[in-house]
Amino acid sequence: MNNNNHNNLNKDFKSAIVIVPPQDLLDQVQAIRKQHDKSYERWMPHINLIFPFVKIDQFEEKHEQLQSVLSYFSSFTLVFKEFSNFQHGKSSVIWLKPETPDQPNAINQLQRILETNLPGFDELSNKSEAGFCPHMTVGQSAAGKQTTDKITQFQTDFKPIEFQVKEIYLIHRDGEVPFTIRKTLKLGGSD
């Protein structure tokens, strides 16, 4: 059995590796998501880095493997201040654009390191011709003017969110319950 087939057998759409902003910064995001995001109940606000990921019984092994690699990757500042969208079928996905002012492309570099160390787990890089696009979904909308109007509405009162990404998370959900954090991966330079 080749490695790709082995990985495919172990992929789980009920697990992922994500960046999750601190809970105390999410009130305005959650207010938008509660009204506009069909995944509000299932997912916490997040940026997917690897999805799908491995089955829960492999978390311990993968956590150890990835922690040793990520100890060399510096923590970084992440800022959300601007909304954007992309087409998904006949609708639009509205999202917050992550910016990393002190370490340009930090999220893409982090995601590439994870993919390199998880051969075959490259779905997010192969989703479009543009490759991996880090984003935090806040809602869905009919395409066109409705999307533009919602983005304008969201942008009007939005206060920028800024925090230090010192860790990323292995998340999982059982059955139909929401995702929960199961393991934490600390980035280098973090306590």
C-alpha atoms as a PDB file:
ATOM      1  CA  MET A   1       0.000   0.000   0.000  1.00  0.00           C
ATOM      2  CA  ASN A   2       1.508   3.353  -0.966  1.00  0.00           C
ATOM      3  CA  ASN A   3       1.730   6.280   1.449  1.00  0.00           C
ATOM      4  CA  ASN A   4      -1.007   8.367  -0.217  1.00  0.00           C
ATOM      5  CA  ASN A   5      -3.573   5.573   0.047  1.00  0.00           C
ATOM      6  CA  HIS A   6      -2.578   5.039   3.663  1.00  0.00           C
ATOM      7  CA  ASN A   7      -3.126   8.735   4.409  1.00  0.00           C
ATOM      8  CA  ASN A   8      -6.480   8.778   2.604  1.00  0.00           C
ATOM      9  CA  LEU A   9      -7.727   5.959   4.807  1.00  0.00           C
ATOM     10  CA  ASN A  10      -6.827   7.929   7.915  1.00  0.00           C
ATOM     11  CA  LYS A  11      -8.239  11.341   6.937  1.00  0.00           C
ATOM     12  CA  ASP A  12     -11.094  12.607   9.037  1.00  0.00           C
ATOM     13  CA  PHE A  13     -13.390  15.532   8.173  1.00  0.00           C
ATOM     14  CA  LYS A  14     -14.180  15.771  11.875  1.00  0.00           C
ATOM     15  CA  SER A  15     -10.662  16.945  12.697  1.00  0.00           C
ATOM     16  CA  ALA A  16      -8.439  19.856  11.641  1.00  0.00           C
ATOM     17  CA  ILE A  17      -5.432  21.983  12.583  1.00  0.00           C
ATOM     18  CA  VAL A  18      -6.460  25.601  13.087  1.00  0.00           C
ATOM     19  CA  ILE A  19      -5.615  29.056  14.367  1.00  0.00           C
ATOM     20  CA  VAL A  20      -8.257  30.209  16.864  1.00  0.00           C
ATOM     21  CA  PRO A  21      -8.327  33.817  18.086  1.00  0.00           C
ATOM     22  CA  PRO A  22      -8.600  34.406  21.848  1.00  0.00           C
ATOM     23  CA  GLN A  23     -12.198  34.071  23.054  1.00  0.00           C
ATOM     24  CA  ASP A  24     -12.251  37.536  24.640  1.00  0.00           C
ATOM     25  CA  LEU A  25     -11.683  39.200  21.247  1.00  0.00           C
ATOM     26  CA  LEU A  26     -14.526  37.475  19.410  1.00  0.00           C
ATOM     27  CA  ASP A  27     -17.761  39.195  20.444  1.00  0.00           C
ATOM     28  CA  GLN A  28     -18.183  41.201  17.236  1.00  0.00           C
ATOM     29  CA  VAL A  29     -17.167  38.236  15.058  1.00  0.00           C
ATOM     30  CA  GLN A  30     -19.608  35.917  16.819  1.00  0.00           C
ATOM     31  CA  ALA A  31     -22.426  38.481  16.486  1.00  0.00           C
ATOM     32  CA  ILE A  32     -21.912  38.458  12.698  1.00  0.00           C
ATOM     33  CA  ARG A  33     -21.483  34.686  12.507  1.00  0.00           C
ATOM     34  CA  LYS A  34     -24.587  33.957  14.570  1.00  0.00           C
ATOM     35  CA  GLN A  35     -26.730  35.687  11.938  1.00  0.00           C
ATOM     36  CA  HIS A  36     -24.826  34.866   8.751  1.00  0.00           C
ATOM     37  CA  ASP A  37     -22.684  31.709   9.108  1.00  0.00           C
ATOM     38  CA  LYS A  38     -24.358  28.342   8.586  1.00  0.00           C
ATOM     39  CA  SER A  39     -21.448  26.713  10.467  1.00  0.00           C
ATOM     40  CA  TYR A  40     -21.823  28.898  13.567  1.00  0.00           C
ATOM     41  CA  GLU A  41     -22.890  25.988  15.796  1.00  0.00           C
ATOM     42  CA  ARG A  42     -20.354  23.470  14.467  1.00  0.00           C
ATOM     43  CA  TRP A  43     -17.109  25.500  14.201  1.00  0.00           C
ATOM     44  CA  MET A  44     -15.496  28.083  16.494  1.00  0.00           C
ATOM     45  CA  PRO A  45     -14.080  31.155  14.676  1.00  0.00           C
ATOM     46  CA  HIS A  46     -10.916  29.805  13.061  1.00  0.00           C
ATOM     47  CA  ILE A  47      -8.435  29.716  10.183  1.00  0.00           C
ATOM     48  CA  ASN A  48      -8.016  26.219   8.783  1.00  0.00           C
ATOM     49  CA  LEU A  49      -4.392  25.191   8.263  1.00  0.00           C
ATOM     50  CA  ILE A  50      -4.996  21.472   7.642  1.00  0.00           C
ATOM     51  CA  PHE A  51      -8.467  20.074   6.882  1.00  0.00           C
ATOM     52  CA  PRO A  52      -9.268  17.231   6.873  1.00  0.00           C
ATOM     53  CA  PHE A  53      -6.783  15.940   9.441  1.00  0.00           C
ATOM     54  CA  VAL A  54      -6.168  12.527  11.050  1.00  0.00           C
ATOM     55  CA  LYS A  55      -8.531  10.460  13.176  1.00  0.00           C
ATOM     56  CA  ILE A  56      -8.588  11.285  16.879  1.00  0.00           C
ATOM     57  CA  ASP A  57      -6.644   8.136  17.834  1.00  0.00           C
ATOM     58  CA  GLN A  58      -3.620   9.551  15.945  1.00  0.00           C
ATOM     59  CA  PHE A  59      -3.634  12.974  17.639  1.00  0.00           C
ATOM     60  CA  GLU A  60      -1.016  12.065  20.240  1.00  0.00           C
ATOM     61  CA  GLU A  61       1.458  10.765  17.651  1.00  0.00           C
ATOM     62  CA  LYS A  62       0.944  13.700  15.251  1.00  0.00           C
ATOM     63  CA  HIS A  63       1.075  16.203  18.108  1.00  0.00           C
ATOM     64  CA  GLU A  64       4.525  14.958  19.158  1.00  0.00           C
ATOM     65  CA  GLN A  65       5.761  14.913  15.554  1.00  0.00           C
ATOM     66  CA  LEU A  66       4.533  18.428  14.748  1.00  0.00           C
ATOM     67  CA  GLN A  67       5.509  20.004  18.081  1.00  0.00           C
ATOM     68  CA  SER A  68       9.186  19.290  17.490  1.00  0.00           C
ATOM     69  CA  VAL A  69       8.990  20.950  14.045  1.00  0.00           C
ATOM     70  CA  LEU A  70       6.968  23.986  15.179  1.00  0.00           C
ATOM     71  CA  SER A  71       9.290  24.831  18.044  1.00  0.00           C
ATOM     72  CA  TYR A  72      11.456  26.467  15.337  1.00  0.00           C
ATOM     73  CA  PHE A  73       8.605  28.580  13.913  1.00  0.00           C
ATOM     74  CA  SER A  74       8.294  31.976  15.646  1.00  0.00           C
ATOM     75  CA  SER A  75       5.061  33.260  17.097  1.00  0.00           C
ATOM     76  CA  PHE A  76       3.605  36.204  15.142  1.00  0.00           C
ATOM     77  CA  THR A  77       1.076  39.040  15.308  1.00  0.00           C
ATOM     78  CA  LEU A  78      -2.212  38.501  13.489  1.00  0.00           C
ATOM     79  CA  VAL A  79      -4.611  41.335  12.648  1.00  0.00           C
ATOM     80  CA  PHE A  80      -8.160  41.138  11.289  1.00  0.00           C
ATOM     81  CA  LYS A  81      -9.478  44.447   9.965  1.00  0.00           C
ATOM     82  CA  GLU A  82     -10.801  43.837   6.461  1.00  0.00           C
ATOM     83  CA  PHE A  83     -13.585  41.668   5.033  1.00  0.00           C
ATOM     84  CA  SER A  84     -13.404  39.927   1.686  1.00  0.00           C
ATOM     85  CA  ASN A  85     -15.236  37.175  -0.177  1.00  0.00           C
ATOM     86  CA  PHE A  86     -14.878  34.414  -2.707  1.00  0.00           C
ATOM     87  CA  GLN A  87     -17.375  32.578  -4.862  1.00  0.00           C
ATOM     88  CA  HIS A  88     -18.491  29.137  -3.763  1.00  0.00           C
ATOM     89  CA  GLY A  89     -20.919  27.794  -6.331  1.00  0.00           C
ATOM     90  CA  LYS A  90     -23.788  30.275  -6.682  1.00  0.00           C
ATOM     91  CA  SER A  91     -23.119  31.907  -3.336  1.00  0.00           C
ATOM     92  CA  SER A  92     -20.313  33.866  -1.724  1.00  0.00           C
ATOM     93  CA  VAL A  93     -18.305  33.106   1.382  1.00  0.00           C
ATOM     94  CA  ILE A  94     -17.615  36.263   3.394  1.00  0.00           C
ATOM     95  CA  TRP A  95     -14.460  36.216   5.475  1.00  0.00           C
ATOM     96  CA  LEU A  96     -12.012  38.236   7.492  1.00  0.00           C
ATOM     97  CA  LYS A  97      -8.610  38.624   5.892  1.00  0.00           C
ATOM     98  CA  PRO A  98      -5.739  37.807   8.263  1.00  0.00           C
ATOM     99  CA  GLU A  99      -2.734  40.114   8.113  1.00  0.00           C
ATOM    100  CA  THR A 100       0.631  39.384   9.722  1.00  0.00           C
ATOM    101  CA  PRO A 101       2.401  42.770   9.799  1.00  0.00           C
ATOM    102  CA  ASP A 102       5.559  41.690  11.644  1.00  0.00           C
ATOM    103  CA  GLN A 103       6.101  38.495   9.639  1.00  0.00           C
ATOM    104  CA  PRO A 104       4.695  38.687   6.083  1.00  0.00           C
ATOM    105  CA  ASN A 105       3.160  35.414   4.840  1.00  0.00           C
ATOM    106  CA  ALA A 106       3.533  33.807   8.279  1.00  0.00           C
ATOM    107  CA  ILE A 107       0.272  31.856   7.966  1.00  0.00           C
ATOM    108  CA  ASN A 108       1.160  30.508   4.521  1.00  0.00           C
ATOM    109  CA  GLN A 109       4.629  29.518   5.757  1.00  0.00           C
ATOM    110  CA  LEU A 110       3.143  27.810   8.807  1.00  0.00           C
ATOM    111  CA  GLN A 111       0.641  25.937   6.656  1.00  0.00           C
ATOM    112  CA  ARG A 112       3.401  24.844   4.244  1.00  0.00           C
ATOM    113  CA  ILE A 113       5.457  23.442   7.150  1.00  0.00           C
ATOM    114  CA  LEU A 114       2.437  21.454   8.347  1.00  0.00           C
ATOM    115  CA  GLU A 115       1.744  20.109   4.843  1.00  0.00           C
ATOM    116  CA  THR A 116       5.403  19.172   4.379  1.00  0.00           C
ATOM    117  CA  ASN A 117       5.284  17.174   7.601  1.00  0.00           C
ATOM    118  CA  LEU A 118       1.898  15.608   6.787  1.00  0.00           C
ATOM    119  CA  PRO A 119       2.368  14.147   3.289  1.00  0.00           C
ATOM    120  CA  GLY A 120      -0.921  13.841   1.412  1.00  0.00           C
ATOM    121  CA  PHE A 121      -2.781  16.356   3.595  1.00  0.00           C
ATOM    122  CA  ASP A 122      -2.714  19.087   0.946  1.00  0.00           C
ATOM    123  CA  GLU A 123      -6.434  19.658   0.276  1.00  0.00           C
ATOM    124  CA  LEU A 124      -6.315  23.332   1.254  1.00  0.00           C
ATOM    125  CA  SER A 125      -3.410  24.055  -1.099  1.00  0.00           C
ATOM    126  CA  ASN A 126      -5.160  22.329  -3.979  1.00  0.00           C
ATOM    127  CA  LYS A 127      -8.629  23.852  -3.522  1.00  0.00           C
ATOM    128  CA  SER A 128      -7.993  26.513  -6.153  1.00  0.00           C
ATOM    129  CA  GLU A 129      -5.340  27.532  -8.656  1.00  0.00           C
ATOM    130  CA  ALA A 130      -4.360  30.320  -6.270  1.00  0.00           C
ATOM    131  CA  GLY A 131      -3.319  27.749  -3.652  1.00  0.00           C
ATOM    132  CA  PHE A 132      -3.848  28.098   0.084  1.00  0.00           C
ATOM    133  CA  CYS A 133      -5.850  31.209   1.043  1.00  0.00           C
ATOM    134  CA  PRO A 134      -5.879  31.852   4.801  1.00  0.00           C
ATOM    135  CA  HIS A 135      -9.241  33.241   5.920  1.00  0.00           C
ATOM    136  CA  MET A 136     -11.726  33.263   8.789  1.00  0.00           C
ATOM    137  CA  THR A 137     -15.256  32.668   7.507  1.00  0.00           C
ATOM    138  CA  VAL A 138     -17.956  34.880   9.019  1.00  0.00           C
ATOM    139  CA  GLY A 139     -20.874  34.087   6.726  1.00  0.00           C
ATOM    140  CA  GLN A 140     -22.393  33.129   3.428  1.00  0.00           C
ATOM    141  CA  SER A 141     -24.457  35.217   1.036  1.00  0.00           C
ATOM    142  CA  ALA A 142     -26.035  35.207  -2.400  1.00  0.00           C
ATOM    143  CA  ALA A 143     -23.407  36.376  -4.884  1.00  0.00           C
ATOM    144  CA  GLY A 144     -23.280  39.922  -6.228  1.00  0.00           C
ATOM    145  CA  LYS A 145     -24.810  43.016  -4.650  1.00  0.00           C
ATOM    146  CA  GLN A 146     -26.028  41.171  -1.547  1.00  0.00           C
ATOM    147  CA  THR A 147     -22.442  40.179  -0.738  1.00  0.00           C
ATOM    148  CA  THR A 148     -21.116  43.691  -1.384  1.00  0.00           C
ATOM    149  CA  ASP A 149     -23.837  45.188   0.830  1.00  0.00           C
ATOM    150  CA  LYS A 150     -23.109  42.766   3.677  1.00  0.00           C
ATOM    151  CA  ILE A 151     -19.362  43.434   3.527  1.00  0.00           C
ATOM    152  CA  THR A 152     -20.022  47.195   3.616  1.00  0.00           C
ATOM    153  CA  GLN A 153     -22.383  46.708   6.586  1.00  0.00           C
ATOM    154  CA  PHE A 154     -19.908  44.502   8.491  1.00  0.00           C
ATOM    155  CA  GLN A 155     -16.960  46.819   7.763  1.00  0.00           C
ATOM    156  CA  THR A 156     -18.755  49.940   9.030  1.00  0.00           C
ATOM    157  CA  ASP A 157     -18.683  49.100  12.744  1.00  0.00           C
ATOM    158  CA  PHE A 158     -15.874  46.558  12.817  1.00  0.00           C
ATOM    159  CA  LYS A 159     -13.047  47.277  15.244  1.00  0.00           C
ATOM    160  CA  PRO A 160      -9.725  45.666  14.249  1.00  0.00           C
ATOM    161  CA  ILE A 161      -8.723  42.550  16.175  1.00  0.00           C
ATOM    162  CA  GLU A 162      -5.040  42.002  16.950  1.00  0.00           C
ATOM    163  CA  PHE A 163      -3.399  39.192  18.873  1.00  0.00           C
ATOM    164  CA  GLN A 164      -0.208  37.152  19.086  1.00  0.00           C
ATOM    165  CA  VAL A 165      -0.386  33.665  17.561  1.00  0.00           C
ATOM    166  CA  LYS A 166       1.658  31.657  20.065  1.00  0.00           C
ATOM    167  CA  GLU A 167      -0.089  28.334  19.499  1.00  0.00           C
ATOM    168  CA  ILE A 168      -2.282  26.477  17.049  1.00  0.00           C
ATOM    169  CA  TYR A 169      -4.775  23.737  17.781  1.00  0.00           C
ATOM    170  CA  LEU A 170      -5.719  20.202  16.845  1.00  0.00           C
ATOM    171  CA  ILE A 171      -9.516  20.147  16.944  1.00  0.00           C
ATOM    172  CA  HIS A 172     -12.036  17.339  16.659  1.00  0.00           C
ATOM    173  CA  ARG A 173     -15.746  16.762  16.975  1.00  0.00           C
ATOM    174  CA  ASP A 174     -17.683  13.613  17.835  1.00  0.00           C
ATOM    175  CA  GLY A 175     -20.822  13.016  15.807  1.00  0.00           C
ATOM    176  CA  GLU A 176     -22.745  16.246  15.344  1.00  0.00           C
ATOM    177  CA  VAL A 177     -21.409  18.094  18.395  1.00  0.00           C
ATOM    178  CA  PRO A 178     -19.263  21.222  17.840  1.00  0.00           C
ATOM    179  CA  PHE A 179     -15.507  21.056  17.333  1.00  0.00           C
ATOM    180  CA  THR A 180     -13.410  21.299  20.482  1.00  0.00           C
ATOM    181  CA  ILE A 181      -9.705  21.845  21.013  1.00  0.00           C
ATOM    182  CA  ARG A 182      -8.040  18.513  21.828  1.00  0.00           C
ATOM    183  CA  LYS A 183      -4.321  19.359  21.584  1.00  0.00           C
ATOM    184  CA  THR A 184      -2.245  22.559  21.545  1.00  0.00           C
ATOM    185  CA  LEU A 185       0.883  23.056  19.455  1.00  0.00           C
ATOM    186  CA  LYS A 186       3.130  25.833  20.800  1.00  0.00           C
ATOM    187  CA  LEU A 187       5.094  27.951  18.362  1.00  0.00           C
ATOM    188  CA  GLY A 188       8.720  28.877  18.954  1.00  0.00           C
ATOM    189  CA  GLY A 189       9.377  31.837  21.212  1.00  0.00           C
ATOM    190  CA  SER A 190       6.221  31.063  23.210  1.00  0.00           C
ATOM    191  CA  ASP A 191       6.150  30.184  26.876  1.00  0.00           C
END
